[in-house]
Amino acid sequence: GAFPPSGGEISFQGQIITALPCHRIAHLGIART
């Protein structure tokens, strides 16, 4: 969620997360370094 995609679709555990902000995506259970 740091950059919005210019096209395409991203899903996490069946939920579309393409337009979600970083903090919402992190809360769903995605972490990164």
ModelCIF file with pLDDT and N, C-alpha, C, O atoms, coordinates in Angstrom:
data_MODEL
#
_entry.id   MODEL 
#
_entity.id                         1 
_entity.type                       polymer 
_entity.pdbx_number_of_molecules   1 
#
_entity_poly.entity_id                      1 
_entity_poly.type                           'polypeptide(L)' 
_entity_poly.nstd_linkage                   no 
_entity_poly.nstd_monomer                   no 
_entity_poly.pdbx_seq_one_letter_code       GAFPPSGGEISFQGQIITALPCHRIAHLGIART 
_entity_poly.pdbx_seq_one_letter_code_can   GAFPPSGGEISFQGQIITALPCHRIAHLGIART 
_entity_poly.pdbx_strand_id                 A 
#
loop_
_entity_poly_seq.entity_id 
_entity_poly_seq.num 
_entity_poly_seq.mon_id 
_entity_poly_seq.hetero 
1 1  GLY n 
1 2  ALA n 
1 3  PHE n 
1 4  PRO n 
1 5  PRO n 
1 6  SER n 
1 7  GLY n 
1 8  GLY n 
1 9  GLU n 
1 10 ILE n 
1 11 SER n 
1 12 PHE n 
1 13 GLN n 
1 14 GLY n 
1 15 GLN n 
1 16 ILE n 
1 17 ILE n 
1 18 THR n 
1 19 ALA n 
1 20 LEU n 
1 21 PRO n 
1 22 CYS n 
1 23 HIS n 
1 24 ARG n 
1 25 ILE n 
1 26 ALA n 
1 27 HIS n 
1 28 LEU n 
1 29 GLY n 
1 30 ILE n 
1 31 ALA n 
1 32 ARG n 
1 33 THR n 
#
_struct_asym.id          A 
_struct_asym.entity_id   1 
#
loop_
_ma_qa_metric.id 
_ma_qa_metric.mode 
_ma_qa_metric.name 
_ma_qa_metric.software_group_id 
_ma_qa_metric.type 
1 global pLDDT . pLDDT 
2 local  pLDDT . pLDDT 
#
_ma_qa_metric_global.metric_id      1 
_ma_qa_metric_global.metric_value   94.33 
_ma_qa_metric_global.model_id       1 
_ma_qa_metric_global.ordinal_id     1 
#
loop_
_ma_qa_metric_local.label_asym_id 
_ma_qa_metric_local.label_comp_id 
_ma_qa_metric_local.label_seq_id 
_ma_qa_metric_local.metric_id 
_ma_qa_metric_local.metric_value 
_ma_qa_metric_local.model_id 
_ma_qa_metric_local.ordinal_id 
A GLY 1  2 95.00 1 1  
A ALA 2  2 94.00 1 2  
A PHE 3  2 93.00 1 3  
A PRO 4  2 94.00 1 4  
A PRO 5  2 96.00 1 5  
A SER 6  2 96.00 1 6  
A GLY 7  2 96.00 1 7  
A GLY 8  2 97.00 1 8  
A GLU 9  2 97.00 1 9  
A ILE 10 2 97.00 1 10 
A SER 11 2 97.00 1 11 
A PHE 12 2 97.00 1 12 
A GLN 13 2 95.00 1 13 
A GLY 14 2 92.00 1 14 
A GLN 15 2 95.00 1 15 
A ILE 16 2 97.00 1 16 
A ILE 17 2 97.00 1 17 
A THR 18 2 95.00 1 18 
A ALA 19 2 88.00 1 19 
A LEU 20 2 94.00 1 20 
A PRO 21 2 94.00 1 21 
A CYS 22 2 92.00 1 22 
A HIS 23 2 90.00 1 23 
A ARG 24 2 93.00 1 24 
A ILE 25 2 95.00 1 25 
A ALA 26 2 92.00 1 26 
A HIS 27 2 91.00 1 27 
A LEU 28 2 94.00 1 28 
A GLY 29 2 94.00 1 29 
A ILE 30 2 96.00 1 30 
A ALA 31 2 94.00 1 31 
A ARG 32 2 94.00 1 32 
A THR 33 2 92.00 1 33 
#
loop_
_atom_site.group_PDB 
_atom_site.id 
_atom_site.type_symbol 
_atom_site.label_atom_id 
_atom_site.label_alt_id 
_atom_site.label_comp_id 
_atom_site.label_asym_id 
_atom_site.label_entity_id 
_atom_site.label_seq_id 
_atom_site.pdbx_PDB_ins_code 
_atom_site.Cartn_x 
_atom_site.Cartn_y 
_atom_site.Cartn_z 
_atom_site.occupancy 
_atom_site.B_iso_or_equiv 
_atom_site.pdbx_formal_charge 
_atom_site.auth_seq_id 
_atom_site.auth_comp_id 
_atom_site.auth_asym_id 
_atom_site.auth_atom_id 
_atom_site.pdbx_PDB_model_num 
ATOM 1   N N  . GLY A 1 1  ? 0.778   -1.228  0.000   1.00 95.00 ? 1  GLY A N  1 
ATOM 2   C CA . GLY A 1 1  ? 0.000   0.000   0.000   1.00 95.00 ? 1  GLY A CA 1 
ATOM 3   C C  . GLY A 1 1  ? 0.812   1.282   0.000   1.00 95.00 ? 1  GLY A C  1 
ATOM 4   O O  . GLY A 1 1  ? 0.242   2.368   0.103   1.00 95.00 ? 1  GLY A O  1 
ATOM 5   N N  . ALA A 1 2  ? 2.145   1.181   -0.114  1.00 94.00 ? 2  ALA A N  1 
ATOM 6   C CA . ALA A 1 2  ? 2.965   2.393   -0.161  1.00 94.00 ? 2  ALA A CA 1 
ATOM 7   C C  . ALA A 1 2  ? 2.743   3.149   -1.460  1.00 94.00 ? 2  ALA A C  1 
ATOM 8   O O  . ALA A 1 2  ? 2.733   4.379   -1.473  1.00 94.00 ? 2  ALA A O  1 
ATOM 9   N N  . PHE A 1 3  ? 2.564   2.411   -2.559  1.00 93.00 ? 3  PHE A N  1 
ATOM 10  C CA . PHE A 1 3  ? 2.241   2.996   -3.861  1.00 93.00 ? 3  PHE A CA 1 
ATOM 11  C C  . PHE A 1 3  ? 0.924   2.400   -4.346  1.00 93.00 ? 3  PHE A C  1 
ATOM 12  O O  . PHE A 1 3  ? 0.741   1.186   -4.250  1.00 93.00 ? 3  PHE A O  1 
ATOM 13  N N  . PRO A 1 4  ? 0.009   3.200   -4.858  1.00 94.00 ? 4  PRO A N  1 
ATOM 14  C CA . PRO A 1 4  ? -1.170  2.622   -5.507  1.00 94.00 ? 4  PRO A CA 1 
ATOM 15  C C  . PRO A 1 4  ? -0.770  2.041   -6.852  1.00 94.00 ? 4  PRO A C  1 
ATOM 16  O O  . PRO A 1 4  ? -0.001  2.672   -7.577  1.00 94.00 ? 4  PRO A O  1 
ATOM 17  N N  . PRO A 1 5  ? -1.258  0.873   -7.211  1.00 96.00 ? 5  PRO A N  1 
ATOM 18  C CA . PRO A 1 5  ? -0.921  0.324   -8.526  1.00 96.00 ? 5  PRO A CA 1 
ATOM 19  C C  . PRO A 1 5  ? -1.577  1.136   -9.633  1.00 96.00 ? 5  PRO A C  1 
ATOM 20  O O  . PRO A 1 5  ? -2.642  1.722   -9.443  1.00 96.00 ? 5  PRO A O  1 
ATOM 21  N N  . SER A 1 6  ? -0.933  1.162   -10.784 1.00 96.00 ? 6  SER A N  1 
ATOM 22  C CA . SER A 1 6  ? -1.525  1.827   -11.954 1.00 96.00 ? 6  SER A CA 1 
ATOM 23  C C  . SER A 1 6  ? -2.557  0.938   -12.615 1.00 96.00 ? 6  SER A C  1 
ATOM 24  O O  . SER A 1 6  ? -3.401  1.419   -13.370 1.00 96.00 ? 6  SER A O  1 
ATOM 25  N N  . GLY A 1 7  ? -2.498  -0.350  -12.340 1.00 96.00 ? 7  GLY A N  1 
ATOM 26  C CA . GLY A 1 7  ? -3.467  -1.302  -12.877 1.00 96.00 ? 7  GLY A CA 1 
ATOM 27  C C  . GLY A 1 7  ? -3.308  -2.632  -12.184 1.00 96.00 ? 7  GLY A C  1 
ATOM 28  O O  . GLY A 1 7  ? -2.296  -2.891  -11.532 1.00 96.00 ? 7  GLY A O  1 
ATOM 29  N N  . GLY A 1 8  ? -4.316  -3.476  -12.326 1.00 97.00 ? 8  GLY A N  1 
ATOM 30  C CA . GLY A 1 8  ? -4.269  -4.800  -11.733 1.00 97.00 ? 8  GLY A CA 1 
ATOM 31  C C  . GLY A 1 8  ? -4.993  -4.890  -10.399 1.00 97.00 ? 8  GLY A C  1 
ATOM 32  O O  . GLY A 1 8  ? -5.595  -3.924  -9.930  1.00 97.00 ? 8  GLY A O  1 
ATOM 33  N N  . GLU A 1 9  ? -4.919  -6.071  -9.804  1.00 97.00 ? 9  GLU A N  1 
ATOM 34  C CA . GLU A 1 9  ? -5.667  -6.349  -8.571  1.00 97.00 ? 9  GLU A CA 1 
ATOM 35  C C  . GLU A 1 9  ? -4.800  -7.165  -7.616  1.00 97.00 ? 9  GLU A C  1 
ATOM 36  O O  . GLU A 1 9  ? -4.077  -8.070  -8.033  1.00 97.00 ? 9  GLU A O  1 
ATOM 37  N N  . ILE A 1 10 ? -4.886  -6.829  -6.323  1.00 97.00 ? 10 ILE A N  1 
ATOM 38  C CA . ILE A 1 10 ? -4.147  -7.535  -5.275  1.00 97.00 ? 10 ILE A CA 1 
ATOM 39  C C  . ILE A 1 10 ? -5.152  -8.014  -4.244  1.00 97.00 ? 10 ILE A C  1 
ATOM 40  O O  . ILE A 1 10 ? -6.029  -7.259  -3.825  1.00 97.00 ? 10 ILE A O  1 
ATOM 41  N N  . SER A 1 11 ? -5.023  -9.268  -3.836  1.00 97.00 ? 11 SER A N  1 
ATOM 42  C CA . SER A 1 11 ? -5.920  -9.806  -2.814  1.00 97.00 ? 11 SER A CA 1 
ATOM 43  C C  . SER A 1 11 ? -5.122  -10.536 -1.748  1.00 97.00 ? 11 SER A C  1 
ATOM 44  O O  . SER A 1 11 ? -4.081  -11.132 -2.025  1.00 97.00 ? 11 SER A O  1 
ATOM 45  N N  . PHE A 1 12 ? -5.629  -10.479 -0.524  1.00 97.00 ? 12 PHE A N  1 
ATOM 46  C CA . PHE A 1 12 ? -5.011  -11.129 0.623   1.00 97.00 ? 12 PHE A CA 1 
ATOM 47  C C  . PHE A 1 12 ? -6.080  -11.941 1.342   1.00 97.00 ? 12 PHE A C  1 
ATOM 48  O O  . PHE A 1 12 ? -7.045  -11.388 1.868   1.00 97.00 ? 12 PHE A O  1 
ATOM 49  N N  . GLN A 1 13 ? -5.900  -13.254 1.358   1.00 95.00 ? 13 GLN A N  1 
ATOM 50  C CA . GLN A 1 13 ? -6.876  -14.174 1.952   1.00 95.00 ? 13 GLN A CA 1 
ATOM 51  C C  . GLN A 1 13 ? -8.278  -13.942 1.390   1.00 95.00 ? 13 GLN A C  1 
ATOM 52  O O  . GLN A 1 13 ? -9.267  -13.952 2.124   1.00 95.00 ? 13 GLN A O  1 
ATOM 53  N N  . GLY A 1 14 ? -8.342  -13.737 0.101   1.00 92.00 ? 14 GLY A N  1 
ATOM 54  C CA . GLY A 1 14 ? -9.614  -13.583 -0.584  1.00 92.00 ? 14 GLY A CA 1 
ATOM 55  C C  . GLY A 1 14 ? -10.207 -12.199 -0.543  1.00 92.00 ? 14 GLY A C  1 
ATOM 56  O O  . GLY A 1 14 ? -11.249 -11.961 -1.154  1.00 92.00 ? 14 GLY A O  1 
ATOM 57  N N  . GLN A 1 15 ? -9.576  -11.275 0.160   1.00 95.00 ? 15 GLN A N  1 
ATOM 58  C CA . GLN A 1 15 ? -10.079 -9.900  0.254   1.00 95.00 ? 15 GLN A CA 1 
ATOM 59  C C  . GLN A 1 15 ? -9.280  -8.996  -0.672  1.00 95.00 ? 15 GLN A C  1 
ATOM 60  O O  . GLN A 1 15 ? -8.049  -9.025  -0.665  1.00 95.00 ? 15 GLN A O  1 
ATOM 61  N N  . ILE A 1 16 ? -9.977  -8.194  -1.468  1.00 97.00 ? 16 ILE A N  1 
ATOM 62  C CA . ILE A 1 16 ? -9.302  -7.255  -2.352  1.00 97.00 ? 16 ILE A CA 1 
ATOM 63  C C  . ILE A 1 16 ? -8.690  -6.135  -1.512  1.00 97.00 ? 16 ILE A C  1 
ATOM 64  O O  . ILE A 1 16 ? -9.397  -5.462  -0.762  1.00 97.00 ? 16 ILE A O  1 
ATOM 65  N N  . ILE A 1 17 ? -7.374  -5.936  -1.637  1.00 97.00 ? 17 ILE A N  1 
ATOM 66  C CA . ILE A 1 17 ? -6.698  -4.904  -0.843  1.00 97.00 ? 17 ILE A CA 1 
ATOM 67  C C  . ILE A 1 17 ? -6.048  -3.848  -1.730  1.00 97.00 ? 17 ILE A C  1 
ATOM 68  O O  . ILE A 1 17 ? -5.258  -3.037  -1.248  1.00 97.00 ? 17 ILE A O  1 
ATOM 69  N N  . THR A 1 18 ? -6.370  -3.849  -3.012  1.00 95.00 ? 18 THR A N  1 
ATOM 70  C CA . THR A 1 18 ? -5.706  -2.987  -3.987  1.00 95.00 ? 18 THR A CA 1 
ATOM 71  C C  . THR A 1 18 ? -5.724  -1.522  -3.573  1.00 95.00 ? 18 THR A C  1 
ATOM 72  O O  . THR A 1 18 ? -4.720  -0.834  -3.759  1.00 95.00 ? 18 THR A O  1 
ATOM 73  N N  . ALA A 1 19 ? -6.811  -1.022  -3.025  1.00 88.00 ? 19 ALA A N  1 
ATOM 74  C CA . ALA A 1 19 ? -6.936  0.404   -2.738  1.00 88.00 ? 19 ALA A CA 1 
ATOM 75  C C  . ALA A 1 19 ? -6.763  0.739   -1.263  1.00 88.00 ? 19 ALA A C  1 
ATOM 76  O O  . ALA A 1 19 ? -6.981  1.884   -0.865  1.00 88.00 ? 19 ALA A O  1 
ATOM 77  N N  . LEU A 1 20 ? -6.372  -0.242  -0.440  1.00 94.00 ? 20 LEU A N  1 
ATOM 78  C CA . LEU A 1 20 ? -6.263  0.012   0.998   1.00 94.00 ? 20 LEU A CA 1 
ATOM 79  C C  . LEU A 1 20 ? -4.969  0.745   1.330   1.00 94.00 ? 20 LEU A C  1 
ATOM 80  O O  . LEU A 1 20 ? -3.954  0.537   0.666   1.00 94.00 ? 20 LEU A O  1 
ATOM 81  N N  . PRO A 1 21 ? -4.993  1.614   2.368   1.00 94.00 ? 21 PRO A N  1 
ATOM 82  C CA . PRO A 1 21 ? -3.767  2.294   2.803   1.00 94.00 ? 21 PRO A CA 1 
ATOM 83  C C  . PRO A 1 21 ? -2.857  1.337   3.581   1.00 94.00 ? 21 PRO A C  1 
ATOM 84  O O  . PRO A 1 21 ? -3.263  0.248   3.987   1.00 94.00 ? 21 PRO A O  1 
ATOM 85  N N  . CYS A 1 22 ? -1.614  1.786   3.773   1.00 92.00 ? 22 CYS A N  1 
ATOM 86  C CA . CYS A 1 22 ? -0.602  0.941   4.427   1.00 92.00 ? 22 CYS A CA 1 
ATOM 87  C C  . CYS A 1 22 ? -1.047  0.394   5.777   1.00 92.00 ? 22 CYS A C  1 
ATOM 88  O O  . CYS A 1 22 ? -0.884  -0.796  6.047   1.00 92.00 ? 22 CYS A O  1 
ATOM 89  N N  . HIS A 1 23 ? -1.611  1.256   6.633   1.00 90.00 ? 23 HIS A N  1 
ATOM 90  C CA . HIS A 1 23 ? -1.921  0.816   7.991   1.00 90.00 ? 23 HIS A CA 1 
ATOM 91  C C  . HIS A 1 23 ? -3.021  -0.236  8.006   1.00 90.00 ? 23 HIS A C  1 
ATOM 92  O O  . HIS A 1 23 ? -3.024  -1.120  8.863   1.00 90.00 ? 23 HIS A O  1 
ATOM 93  N N  . ARG A 1 24 ? -3.958  -0.146  7.061   1.00 93.00 ? 24 ARG A N  1 
ATOM 94  C CA . ARG A 1 24 ? -5.016  -1.161  6.986   1.00 93.00 ? 24 ARG A CA 1 
ATOM 95  C C  . ARG A 1 24 ? -4.442  -2.498  6.527   1.00 93.00 ? 24 ARG A C  1 
ATOM 96  O O  . ARG A 1 24 ? -4.813  -3.553  7.044   1.00 93.00 ? 24 ARG A O  1 
ATOM 97  N N  . ILE A 1 25 ? -3.550  -2.446  5.569   1.00 95.00 ? 25 ILE A N  1 
ATOM 98  C CA . ILE A 1 25 ? -2.928  -3.672  5.070   1.00 95.00 ? 25 ILE A CA 1 
ATOM 99  C C  . ILE A 1 25 ? -2.082  -4.314  6.160   1.00 95.00 ? 25 ILE A C  1 
ATOM 100 O O  . ILE A 1 25 ? -2.108  -5.534  6.327   1.00 95.00 ? 25 ILE A O  1 
ATOM 101 N N  . ALA A 1 26 ? -1.327  -3.502  6.904   1.00 92.00 ? 26 ALA A N  1 
ATOM 102 C CA . ALA A 1 26 ? -0.523  -4.038  8.005   1.00 92.00 ? 26 ALA A CA 1 
ATOM 103 C C  . ALA A 1 26 ? -1.415  -4.682  9.056   1.00 92.00 ? 26 ALA A C  1 
ATOM 104 O O  . ALA A 1 26 ? -1.079  -5.734  9.599   1.00 92.00 ? 26 ALA A O  1 
ATOM 105 N N  . HIS A 1 27 ? -2.548  -4.054  9.344   1.00 91.00 ? 27 HIS A N  1 
ATOM 106 C CA . HIS A 1 27 ? -3.459  -4.589  10.359  1.00 91.00 ? 27 HIS A CA 1 
ATOM 107 C C  . HIS A 1 27 ? -4.042  -5.938  9.934   1.00 91.00 ? 27 HIS A C  1 
ATOM 108 O O  . HIS A 1 27 ? -4.372  -6.763  10.786  1.00 91.00 ? 27 HIS A O  1 
ATOM 109 N N  . LEU A 1 28 ? -4.169  -6.167  8.636   1.00 94.00 ? 28 LEU A N  1 
ATOM 110 C CA . LEU A 1 28 ? -4.691  -7.442  8.150   1.00 94.00 ? 28 LEU A CA 1 
ATOM 111 C C  . LEU A 1 28 ? -3.706  -8.587  8.365   1.00 94.00 ? 28 LEU A C  1 
ATOM 112 O O  . LEU A 1 28 ? -4.098  -9.754  8.393   1.00 94.00 ? 28 LEU A O  1 
ATOM 113 N N  . GLY A 1 29 ? -2.425  -8.249  8.516   1.00 94.00 ? 29 GLY A N  1 
ATOM 114 C CA . GLY A 1 29 ? -1.447  -9.296  8.789   1.00 94.00 ? 29 GLY A CA 1 
ATOM 115 C C  . GLY A 1 29 ? -0.303  -9.384  7.810   1.00 94.00 ? 29 GLY A C  1 
ATOM 116 O O  . GLY A 1 29 ? 0.299   -10.448 7.662   1.00 94.00 ? 29 GLY A O  1 
ATOM 117 N N  . ILE A 1 30 ? 0.023   -8.269  7.120   1.00 96.00 ? 30 ILE A N  1 
ATOM 118 C CA . ILE A 1 30 ? 1.161   -8.225  6.203   1.00 96.00 ? 30 ILE A CA 1 
ATOM 119 C C  . ILE A 1 30 ? 2.226   -7.313  6.799   1.00 96.00 ? 30 ILE A C  1 
ATOM 120 O O  . ILE A 1 30 ? 1.968   -6.137  7.056   1.00 96.00 ? 30 ILE A O  1 
ATOM 121 N N  . ALA A 1 31 ? 3.417   -7.850  7.017   1.00 94.00 ? 31 ALA A N  1 
ATOM 122 C CA . ALA A 1 31 ? 4.536   -7.069  7.548   1.00 94.00 ? 31 ALA A CA 1 
ATOM 123 C C  . ALA A 1 31 ? 5.690   -7.129  6.567   1.00 94.00 ? 31 ALA A C  1 
ATOM 124 O O  . ALA A 1 31 ? 5.762   -8.036  5.737   1.00 94.00 ? 31 ALA A O  1 
ATOM 125 N N  . ARG A 1 32 ? 6.594   -6.160  6.662   1.00 94.00 ? 32 ARG A N  1 
ATOM 126 C CA . ARG A 1 32 ? 7.712   -6.123  5.730   1.00 94.00 ? 32 ARG A CA 1 
ATOM 127 C C  . ARG A 1 32 ? 8.950   -5.522  6.379   1.00 94.00 ? 32 ARG A C  1 
ATOM 128 O O  . ARG A 1 32 ? 8.868   -4.831  7.394   1.00 94.00 ? 32 ARG A O  1 
ATOM 129 N N  . THR A 1 33 ? 10.097  -5.798  5.770   1.00 92.00 ? 33 THR A N  1 
ATOM 130 C CA . THR A 1 33 ? 11.324  -5.068  6.066   1.00 92.00 ? 33 THR A CA 1 
ATOM 131 C C  . THR A 1 33 ? 11.690  -4.277  4.812   1.00 92.00 ? 33 THR A C  1 
ATOM 132 O O  . THR A 1 33 ? 12.697  -3.570  4.800   1.00 92.00 ? 33 THR A O  1 
#
